[in-house]
Amino acid sequence: MKKKTVFIEGAISPSFISDSIAKHQSKHTIGGHNIFLGQVRADEVEGKTVAAIDFTAYEDMALEQIAEIREKAFKTFNLTCMHIYHSLGKIKAGEICFFVFVSAKHSKEVYAATEYLVNIIKNKVPIFGKEIFEDNTHQWKTNIK
């Protein structure tokens, strides 16, 4: 099973996103693309505002799980291509930390695949975020289902 690089140190830039998308314009068999961008929110938690999230991962385990998720998604949704990227390190509120981009012949496939990928990666892959508040205190982030 081929493990693709999915981790990016720091925020995912708009140019990285646009370059990833632009590569697919010349493919004439694709009928639909779908994109999910996860952005760090300035949530208020117990009266404190999140200023950033510091992401870490069990990288080998995460890459193995993402490879399995990719393989299953390609079989299940008949996708033409798939890109999955997640930030590591400190990402400020307002910056992009998670990027999923899928393409397929039909739009129905890309909507279902994107939802599947985002949900399974957020809930199953060992990527952890420490919320850093404006007062420099912190706590580990918990995903709300």
C-alpha atoms as a PDB file:
ATOM      1  CA  MET A   1       0.000   0.000   0.000  1.00  0.00           C
ATOM      2  CA  LYS A   2       1.484   3.318  -1.102  1.00  0.00           C
ATOM      3  CA  LYS A   3       1.714   5.992   1.613  1.00  0.00           C
ATOM      4  CA  LYS A   4       1.427   9.515   0.231  1.00  0.00           C
ATOM      5  CA  THR A   5       2.731  12.552   2.043  1.00  0.00           C
ATOM      6  CA  VAL A   6      -0.217  14.297   3.647  1.00  0.00           C
ATOM      7  CA  PHE A   7       1.389  16.459   6.306  1.00  0.00           C
ATOM      8  CA  ILE A   8       2.403  20.062   5.743  1.00  0.00           C
ATOM      9  CA  GLU A   9       4.394  22.004   8.309  1.00  0.00           C
ATOM     10  CA  GLY A  10       2.422  25.171   9.047  1.00  0.00           C
ATOM     11  CA  ALA A  11      -0.749  26.541   7.500  1.00  0.00           C
ATOM     12  CA  ILE A  12      -1.929  25.391   4.078  1.00  0.00           C
ATOM     13  CA  SER A  13      -1.530  28.402   1.819  1.00  0.00           C
ATOM     14  CA  PRO A  14      -4.001  29.657  -0.803  1.00  0.00           C
ATOM     15  CA  SER A  15      -1.333  29.174  -3.499  1.00  0.00           C
ATOM     16  CA  PHE A  16      -0.839  25.511  -2.478  1.00  0.00           C
ATOM     17  CA  ILE A  17      -4.600  24.981  -2.720  1.00  0.00           C
ATOM     18  CA  SER A  18      -4.950  26.728  -6.098  1.00  0.00           C
ATOM     19  CA  ASP A  19      -1.923  24.895  -7.544  1.00  0.00           C
ATOM     20  CA  SER A  20      -3.400  21.546  -6.466  1.00  0.00           C
ATOM     21  CA  ILE A  21      -6.717  22.369  -8.117  1.00  0.00           C
ATOM     22  CA  ALA A  22      -5.214  23.840 -11.306  1.00  0.00           C
ATOM     23  CA  LYS A  23      -3.439  20.575 -12.133  1.00  0.00           C
ATOM     24  CA  HIS A  24      -6.814  19.009 -12.924  1.00  0.00           C
ATOM     25  CA  GLN A  25      -8.192  21.524 -15.432  1.00  0.00           C
ATOM     26  CA  SER A  26      -6.754  19.673 -18.401  1.00  0.00           C
ATOM     27  CA  LYS A  27      -8.365  16.338 -17.481  1.00  0.00           C
ATOM     28  CA  HIS A  28     -11.404  16.087 -19.737  1.00  0.00           C
ATOM     29  CA  THR A  29     -12.933  12.985 -18.111  1.00  0.00           C
ATOM     30  CA  ILE A  30     -13.650  14.778 -14.835  1.00  0.00           C
ATOM     31  CA  GLY A  31     -17.179  16.086 -14.389  1.00  0.00           C
ATOM     32  CA  GLY A  32     -16.969  17.335 -10.815  1.00  0.00           C
ATOM     33  CA  HIS A  33     -14.574  18.480  -8.127  1.00  0.00           C
ATOM     34  CA  ASN A  34     -15.304  19.054  -4.478  1.00  0.00           C
ATOM     35  CA  ILE A  35     -13.173  20.775  -1.860  1.00  0.00           C
ATOM     36  CA  PHE A  36     -13.225  20.863   1.914  1.00  0.00           C
ATOM     37  CA  LEU A  37     -11.099  23.418   3.725  1.00  0.00           C
ATOM     38  CA  GLY A  38     -10.798  23.099   7.488  1.00  0.00           C
ATOM     39  CA  GLN A  39      -9.949  26.400   9.137  1.00  0.00           C
ATOM     40  CA  VAL A  40      -8.895  27.064  12.718  1.00  0.00           C
ATOM     41  CA  ARG A  41     -11.751  28.864  14.452  1.00  0.00           C
ATOM     42  CA  ALA A  42     -11.412  31.473  17.173  1.00  0.00           C
ATOM     43  CA  ASP A  43     -13.828  29.506  19.359  1.00  0.00           C
ATOM     44  CA  GLU A  44     -14.651  30.655  22.840  1.00  0.00           C
ATOM     45  CA  VAL A  45     -14.048  27.910  25.382  1.00  0.00           C
ATOM     46  CA  GLU A  46     -14.934  28.618  28.992  1.00  0.00           C
ATOM     47  CA  GLY A  47     -14.533  32.354  28.446  1.00  0.00           C
ATOM     48  CA  LYS A  48     -11.213  32.093  26.587  1.00  0.00           C
ATOM     49  CA  THR A  49     -10.705  32.658  22.852  1.00  0.00           C
ATOM     50  CA  VAL A  50      -8.687  30.200  20.756  1.00  0.00           C
ATOM     51  CA  ALA A  51      -5.766  32.006  19.088  1.00  0.00           C
ATOM     52  CA  ALA A  52      -4.199  28.943  17.422  1.00  0.00           C
ATOM     53  CA  ILE A  53      -4.063  25.164  17.404  1.00  0.00           C
ATOM     54  CA  ASP A  54      -0.779  23.279  17.638  1.00  0.00           C
ATOM     55  CA  PHE A  55      -1.244  20.039  15.643  1.00  0.00           C
ATOM     56  CA  THR A  56       0.788  16.885  16.220  1.00  0.00           C
ATOM     57  CA  ALA A  57       0.350  13.348  14.918  1.00  0.00           C
ATOM     58  CA  TYR A  58       1.579   9.816  15.258  1.00  0.00           C
ATOM     59  CA  GLU A  59       2.883  10.225  11.709  1.00  0.00           C
ATOM     60  CA  ASP A  60       3.648   6.624  10.711  1.00  0.00           C
ATOM     61  CA  MET A  61       0.349   5.366  12.089  1.00  0.00           C
ATOM     62  CA  ALA A  62      -1.571   8.304  10.579  1.00  0.00           C
ATOM     63  CA  LEU A  63      -0.001   7.801   7.135  1.00  0.00           C
ATOM     64  CA  GLU A  64      -0.840   4.093   7.255  1.00  0.00           C
ATOM     65  CA  GLN A  65      -4.451   4.814   8.202  1.00  0.00           C
ATOM     66  CA  ILE A  66      -4.829   7.511   5.550  1.00  0.00           C
ATOM     67  CA  ALA A  67      -3.447   5.122   2.912  1.00  0.00           C
ATOM     68  CA  GLU A  68      -6.120   2.581   3.913  1.00  0.00           C
ATOM     69  CA  ILE A  69      -8.815   5.290   3.903  1.00  0.00           C
ATOM     70  CA  ARG A  70      -7.704   6.455   0.429  1.00  0.00           C
ATOM     71  CA  GLU A  71      -7.781   2.902  -0.927  1.00  0.00           C
ATOM     72  CA  LYS A  72     -11.277   2.293   0.439  1.00  0.00           C
ATOM     73  CA  ALA A  73     -12.536   5.664  -0.856  1.00  0.00           C
ATOM     74  CA  PHE A  74     -11.221   4.987  -4.382  1.00  0.00           C
ATOM     75  CA  LYS A  75     -13.019   1.610  -4.406  1.00  0.00           C
ATOM     76  CA  THR A  76     -16.241   2.944  -2.876  1.00  0.00           C
ATOM     77  CA  PHE A  77     -16.725   6.219  -4.745  1.00  0.00           C
ATOM     78  CA  ASN A  78     -15.170   5.686  -8.202  1.00  0.00           C
ATOM     79  CA  LEU A  79     -12.965   8.776  -7.883  1.00  0.00           C
ATOM     80  CA  THR A  80     -10.586  10.082 -10.520  1.00  0.00           C
ATOM     81  CA  CYS A  81      -8.263  11.753  -8.006  1.00  0.00           C
ATOM     82  CA  MET A  82      -7.978  12.584  -4.326  1.00  0.00           C
ATOM     83  CA  HIS A  83      -5.767  14.932  -2.325  1.00  0.00           C
ATOM     84  CA  ILE A  84      -5.641  14.967   1.469  1.00  0.00           C
ATOM     85  CA  TYR A  85      -3.408  17.372   3.415  1.00  0.00           C
ATOM     86  CA  HIS A  86      -3.272  18.247   7.105  1.00  0.00           C
ATOM     87  CA  SER A  87      -1.109  20.797   8.859  1.00  0.00           C
ATOM     88  CA  LEU A  88       1.300  20.068  11.656  1.00  0.00           C
ATOM     89  CA  GLY A  89       2.600  22.738  13.989  1.00  0.00           C
ATOM     90  CA  LYS A  90       1.024  25.938  15.241  1.00  0.00           C
ATOM     91  CA  ILE A  91      -1.787  27.213  13.005  1.00  0.00           C
ATOM     92  CA  LYS A  92      -3.376  30.570  13.841  1.00  0.00           C
ATOM     93  CA  ALA A  93      -7.119  31.211  13.935  1.00  0.00           C
ATOM     94  CA  GLY A  94      -8.302  31.954  10.405  1.00  0.00           C
ATOM     95  CA  GLU A  95      -5.660  29.799   8.700  1.00  0.00           C
ATOM     96  CA  ILE A  96      -6.353  26.580   6.781  1.00  0.00           C
ATOM     97  CA  CYS A  97      -5.226  23.366   8.484  1.00  0.00           C
ATOM     98  CA  PHE A  98      -7.068  20.610   6.559  1.00  0.00           C
ATOM     99  CA  PHE A  99      -7.558  20.313   2.784  1.00  0.00           C
ATOM    100  CA  VAL A 100      -9.478  17.565   0.998  1.00  0.00           C
ATOM    101  CA  PHE A 101      -9.940  17.716  -2.789  1.00  0.00           C
ATOM    102  CA  VAL A 102     -11.646  14.988  -4.819  1.00  0.00           C
ATOM    103  CA  SER A 103     -12.585  14.629  -8.482  1.00  0.00           C
ATOM    104  CA  ALA A 104     -14.816  12.179 -10.322  1.00  0.00           C
ATOM    105  CA  LYS A 105     -16.790  11.747 -13.496  1.00  0.00           C
ATOM    106  CA  HIS A 106     -20.044  12.657 -11.694  1.00  0.00           C
ATOM    107  CA  SER A 107     -20.792  15.211  -8.967  1.00  0.00           C
ATOM    108  CA  LYS A 108     -22.732  12.758  -6.782  1.00  0.00           C
ATOM    109  CA  GLU A 109     -19.520  10.805  -6.145  1.00  0.00           C
ATOM    110  CA  VAL A 110     -17.484  13.835  -5.049  1.00  0.00           C
ATOM    111  CA  TYR A 111     -20.044  15.052  -2.505  1.00  0.00           C
ATOM    112  CA  ALA A 112     -20.356  11.656  -0.836  1.00  0.00           C
ATOM    113  CA  ALA A 113     -16.600  11.015  -0.923  1.00  0.00           C
ATOM    114  CA  THR A 114     -15.721  14.384   0.599  1.00  0.00           C
ATOM    115  CA  GLU A 115     -18.120  13.907   3.502  1.00  0.00           C
ATOM    116  CA  TYR A 116     -16.832  10.379   4.101  1.00  0.00           C
ATOM    117  CA  LEU A 117     -13.168  11.445   4.002  1.00  0.00           C
ATOM    118  CA  VAL A 118     -13.545  14.456   6.284  1.00  0.00           C
ATOM    119  CA  ASN A 119     -15.529  12.535   8.893  1.00  0.00           C
ATOM    120  CA  ILE A 120     -13.340   9.442   8.993  1.00  0.00           C
ATOM    121  CA  ILE A 121     -10.072  11.383   9.057  1.00  0.00           C
ATOM    122  CA  LYS A 122     -11.260  13.713  11.852  1.00  0.00           C
ATOM    123  CA  ASN A 123     -12.520  10.794  13.943  1.00  0.00           C
ATOM    124  CA  LYS A 124     -10.082   7.938  13.248  1.00  0.00           C
ATOM    125  CA  VAL A 125      -6.650   9.273  12.294  1.00  0.00           C
ATOM    126  CA  PRO A 126      -4.250  10.043  15.171  1.00  0.00           C
ATOM    127  CA  ILE A 127      -3.886  13.785  14.602  1.00  0.00           C
ATOM    128  CA  PHE A 128      -4.188  15.859  17.758  1.00  0.00           C
ATOM    129  CA  GLY A 129      -4.655  19.549  18.351  1.00  0.00           C
ATOM    130  CA  LYS A 130      -3.706  21.591  21.379  1.00  0.00           C
ATOM    131  CA  GLU A 131      -5.848  24.733  21.508  1.00  0.00           C
ATOM    132  CA  ILE A 132      -3.778  27.738  22.477  1.00  0.00           C
ATOM    133  CA  PHE A 133      -5.786  30.581  23.946  1.00  0.00           C
ATOM    134  CA  GLU A 134      -5.114  34.313  23.687  1.00  0.00           C
ATOM    135  CA  ASP A 135      -3.787  34.286  27.271  1.00  0.00           C
ATOM    136  CA  ASN A 136      -1.235  31.565  26.257  1.00  0.00           C
ATOM    137  CA  THR A 137      -2.921  28.832  28.299  1.00  0.00           C
ATOM    138  CA  HIS A 138      -3.873  25.678  26.414  1.00  0.00           C
ATOM    139  CA  GLN A 139      -5.942  22.494  26.386  1.00  0.00           C
ATOM    140  CA  TRP A 140      -6.211  19.472  24.111  1.00  0.00           C
ATOM    141  CA  LYS A 141      -8.955  19.845  21.506  1.00  0.00           C
ATOM    142  CA  THR A 142     -11.808  17.376  21.445  1.00  0.00           C
ATOM    143  CA  ASN A 143     -13.760  16.763  18.230  1.00  0.00           C
ATOM    144  CA  ILE A 144     -17.476  17.323  18.502  1.00  0.00           C
ATOM    145  CA  LYS A 145     -19.423  14.672  16.607  1.00  0.00           C
END
